[in-house]
Structure formats: C-alpha cells, structure tokens
Amino acid sequence: MLIALIGILIGVIVGLYLPITYSPSYSLYMSVAILACMDSVFGGLRATLEKKFNTGIFISGFFGNAVLAAFLAYVGDKLGVPLYYAAIFAFGSRLFQNFAIIRRHFFNKNEEK
C-alpha cells in the first residue's frame, strides 16, 4: 500500500511539472479515459482491502478500460452518436460503488476497535 501511495505522489508531482498538453478537441476522449482509469484505481483499492488484488487484472483493466472508453468516445463522435455516455454510466456507477464499499470498509474497521 505504501508503494502505491508513493507512486501516486510521484505521478502527481511529475504531472504538475511536465509541460504536457493536448488539443482541446481531445478533451472528451481524455476525460472518459481518465474516468475509466479512476474506476480501475478504485477497483484496485477495493480488491486490496478485500485481499483479492491481482496485478495482472489491475494493469489490464487500467489500460484496457481507458482504451475502450476512448475508443467508444471516438467511434461515437465519428458516428454522431454519443456512445461515451455508455462509458460514463458504466465507469461512473462502478466508481461510486467501489468508493462506497471502501468507505464502509474503513467505518466498519473503526467500529471494531
């Protein structure tokens, strides 16, 4: 868990100081991909708390979900159909569900003390 927190901290610091920008026309794809990545991170935290974490599943889900979400947004954009709503709904609902389970885990753990 400590290694993950150090990795997140290093990633945030590097992200703040690197001048990487992208075109505003890609903002839809990036936002959906970031939502998919956040879903994977919260799923990984939940799996860690439940002692079911698997690195392969996490890595494949992290990149696979991001690519799939961005691809859905791209195809929907080309077809004129807002397919990115499917990704927003799926990953958004799972994100809040995982957050609720993580929150309950910590509250239950504090009540046991």
Foldseek 3Di string as FASTA:
>chain_A
DVVVVVVVVVVVVVVVPDPDDDDPVCVLLVVLLVLQLLLLVLVQVLCVLVVNHDPVVSVCSSVVLSVVLSVQCVVCVVVVHRSNVVSCVVSVVSNVVSVVSVVVSVVVVVVVD
